[in-house]
C-alpha cells in the first residue's frame, strides 16, 4: 500500500516538473525578439542607397 502511494507521488511529481519545464521553455521562446531590431535596420539601409542613386542621377 505504501509503495503504491510513493509510486503515484513520484509519477505526479515527474509529470508536474515536465509540464513546468515545457511551459517555461515555450514562454522563453515566444518572448524572444531577436529579429525585430534587425528588420528596421535592413529596411533603412536598403532605402538609403536608393535615395543616393536618385540624387546622383540628377
N, C-alpha and C. Protein backbone atom coordinates (compact mmCIF):
# COMPACT_ATOMS: atom_id res chain seq x y z
N UNK A 1 0.82 -1.19 0.00
CA UNK A 1 0.00 0.00 0.00
C UNK A 1 0.87 1.26 0.00
N UNK A 2 1.85 1.30 0.85
CA UNK A 2 2.72 2.45 0.95
C UNK A 2 3.54 2.62 -0.33
N UNK A 3 3.95 1.51 -0.94
CA UNK A 3 4.72 1.58 -2.19
C UNK A 3 3.89 2.18 -3.31
N UNK A 4 2.59 1.86 -3.36
CA UNK A 4 1.72 2.41 -4.40
C UNK A 4 1.58 3.92 -4.25
N UNK A 5 1.48 4.38 -3.01
CA UNK A 5 1.36 5.81 -2.75
C UNK A 5 2.63 6.52 -3.17
N UNK A 6 3.77 5.94 -2.86
CA UNK A 6 5.05 6.55 -3.22
C UNK A 6 5.21 6.61 -4.73
N UNK A 7 4.84 5.53 -5.44
CA UNK A 7 4.96 5.50 -6.89
C UNK A 7 4.06 6.54 -7.52
N UNK A 8 2.82 6.66 -7.05
CA UNK A 8 1.90 7.66 -7.59
C UNK A 8 2.41 9.07 -7.31
N UNK A 9 2.99 9.28 -6.13
CA UNK A 9 3.52 10.60 -5.79
C UNK A 9 4.67 10.96 -6.73
N UNK A 10 5.57 10.02 -6.99
CA UNK A 10 6.68 10.30 -7.90
C UNK A 10 6.19 10.52 -9.33
N UNK A 11 5.17 9.80 -9.75
CA UNK A 11 4.63 10.00 -11.10
C UNK A 11 4.03 11.39 -11.22
N UNK A 12 3.27 11.82 -10.21
CA UNK A 12 2.68 13.15 -10.24
C UNK A 12 3.76 14.23 -10.21
N UNK A 13 4.78 14.03 -9.39
CA UNK A 13 5.86 14.98 -9.29
C UNK A 13 6.62 15.08 -10.61
N UNK A 14 6.88 13.95 -11.23
CA UNK A 14 7.59 13.93 -12.51
C UNK A 14 6.77 14.62 -13.59
N UNK A 15 5.49 14.33 -13.66
CA UNK A 15 4.62 14.96 -14.65
C UNK A 15 4.54 16.47 -14.43
N UNK A 16 4.44 16.88 -13.17
CA UNK A 16 4.38 18.32 -12.86
C UNK A 16 5.66 19.02 -13.27
N UNK A 17 6.79 18.41 -13.01
CA UNK A 17 8.07 19.02 -13.38
C UNK A 17 8.23 19.10 -14.89
N UNK A 18 7.81 18.07 -15.60
CA UNK A 18 7.90 18.10 -17.07
C UNK A 18 7.04 19.20 -17.64
N UNK A 19 5.84 19.36 -17.12
CA UNK A 19 4.94 20.41 -17.60
C UNK A 19 5.52 21.79 -17.29
N UNK A 20 6.09 21.96 -16.11
CA UNK A 20 6.67 23.25 -15.74
C UNK A 20 7.85 23.60 -16.65
N UNK A 21 8.70 22.63 -16.94
CA UNK A 21 9.87 22.89 -17.79
C UNK A 21 9.43 23.22 -19.22
N UNK A 22 8.48 22.48 -19.75
CA UNK A 22 7.99 22.75 -21.11
C UNK A 22 7.30 24.11 -21.19
N UNK A 23 6.52 24.45 -20.18
CA UNK A 23 5.84 25.75 -20.17
C UNK A 23 6.84 26.89 -20.12
N UNK A 24 7.85 26.76 -19.29
CA UNK A 24 8.87 27.80 -19.19
C UNK A 24 9.63 27.93 -20.51
N UNK A 25 9.90 26.81 -21.15
CA UNK A 25 10.59 26.85 -22.44
C UNK A 25 9.77 27.54 -23.51
N UNK A 26 8.48 27.28 -23.53
CA UNK A 26 7.61 27.94 -24.50
C UNK A 26 7.53 29.44 -24.25
N UNK A 27 7.44 29.83 -22.98
CA UNK A 27 7.35 31.25 -22.66
C UNK A 27 8.63 31.98 -23.02
N UNK A 28 9.75 31.37 -22.78
CA UNK A 28 11.03 31.99 -23.12
C UNK A 28 11.17 32.08 -24.63
N UNK A 29 10.77 31.04 -25.35
CA UNK A 29 10.88 31.04 -26.80
C UNK A 29 9.98 32.06 -27.47
N UNK A 30 8.79 32.25 -26.93
CA UNK A 30 7.86 33.21 -27.52
C UNK A 30 8.22 34.64 -27.16
N UNK A 31 8.97 34.83 -26.11
CA UNK A 31 9.30 36.18 -25.68
C UNK A 31 10.54 36.75 -26.33
N UNK A 32 11.25 35.98 -27.10
CA UNK A 32 12.50 36.50 -27.68
C UNK A 32 12.19 37.32 -28.93
N UNK A 33 12.78 38.52 -29.00
CA UNK A 33 12.61 39.43 -30.14
C UNK A 33 13.95 39.68 -30.80
N UNK A 34 14.59 38.66 -31.27
CA UNK A 34 15.90 38.82 -31.90
C UNK A 34 15.78 39.41 -33.30
N UNK A 35 14.70 39.16 -34.01
CA UNK A 35 14.56 39.60 -35.38
C UNK A 35 14.02 41.03 -35.49
N UNK A 36 13.30 41.50 -34.50
CA UNK A 36 12.67 42.81 -34.59
C UNK A 36 13.66 43.95 -34.77
N UNK A 37 14.74 44.05 -34.01
CA UNK A 37 15.66 45.17 -34.23
C UNK A 37 16.39 45.09 -35.57
N UNK A 38 16.59 43.90 -36.10
CA UNK A 38 17.31 43.75 -37.35
C UNK A 38 16.47 44.19 -38.56
N UNK A 39 15.17 43.98 -38.51
CA UNK A 39 14.32 44.29 -39.66
C UNK A 39 14.30 45.78 -40.02
N UNK A 40 14.09 46.69 -39.07
CA UNK A 40 14.12 48.10 -39.46
C UNK A 40 15.50 48.55 -39.94
N UNK A 41 16.55 47.97 -39.39
CA UNK A 41 17.89 48.35 -39.81
C UNK A 41 18.13 47.94 -41.26
N UNK A 42 17.65 46.77 -41.67
CA UNK A 42 17.84 46.34 -43.05
C UNK A 42 16.98 47.16 -43.99
N UNK A 43 15.78 47.54 -43.56
CA UNK A 43 14.91 48.34 -44.42
C UNK A 43 15.52 49.74 -44.62
N UNK A 44 16.05 50.32 -43.55
CA UNK A 44 16.65 51.65 -43.66
C UNK A 44 17.89 51.61 -44.55
N UNK A 45 18.68 50.56 -44.42
CA UNK A 45 19.91 50.51 -45.20
C UNK A 45 19.61 50.31 -46.70
N UNK A 46 18.50 49.65 -47.03
CA UNK A 46 18.17 49.47 -48.44
C UNK A 46 17.57 50.74 -49.03
N UNK A 47 16.91 51.53 -48.18
CA UNK A 47 16.30 52.75 -48.70
C UNK A 47 17.33 53.85 -48.92
N UNK A 48 18.34 53.91 -48.10
CA UNK A 48 19.33 54.97 -48.22
C UNK A 48 20.11 54.91 -49.53
N UNK A 49 20.63 53.77 -49.97
CA UNK A 49 21.34 53.76 -51.24
C UNK A 49 20.44 54.11 -52.42
N UNK A 50 19.17 53.76 -52.35
CA UNK A 50 18.25 54.08 -53.44
C UNK A 50 18.10 55.60 -53.55
N UNK A 51 18.06 56.29 -52.43
CA UNK A 51 17.93 57.75 -52.45
C UNK A 51 19.21 58.39 -52.98
N UNK A 52 20.35 57.84 -52.62
CA UNK A 52 21.60 58.43 -53.09
C UNK A 52 21.78 58.21 -54.58
N UNK A 53 21.31 57.10 -55.10
CA UNK A 53 21.40 56.86 -56.55
C UNK A 53 20.55 57.85 -57.32
N UNK A 54 19.36 58.15 -56.78
CA UNK A 54 18.50 59.11 -57.43
C UNK A 54 19.13 60.50 -57.42
N UNK A 55 19.80 60.85 -56.34
CA UNK A 55 20.45 62.15 -56.25
C UNK A 55 21.64 62.23 -57.22
N UNK A 56 22.35 61.13 -57.41
CA UNK A 56 23.49 61.13 -58.32
C UNK A 56 23.04 61.29 -59.78
N UNK A 57 21.88 60.75 -60.11
CA UNK A 57 21.40 60.84 -61.47
C UNK A 57 21.00 62.26 -61.83
N UNK A 58 20.57 63.05 -60.87
CA UNK A 58 20.17 64.45 -61.11
C UNK A 58 21.39 65.25 -61.33
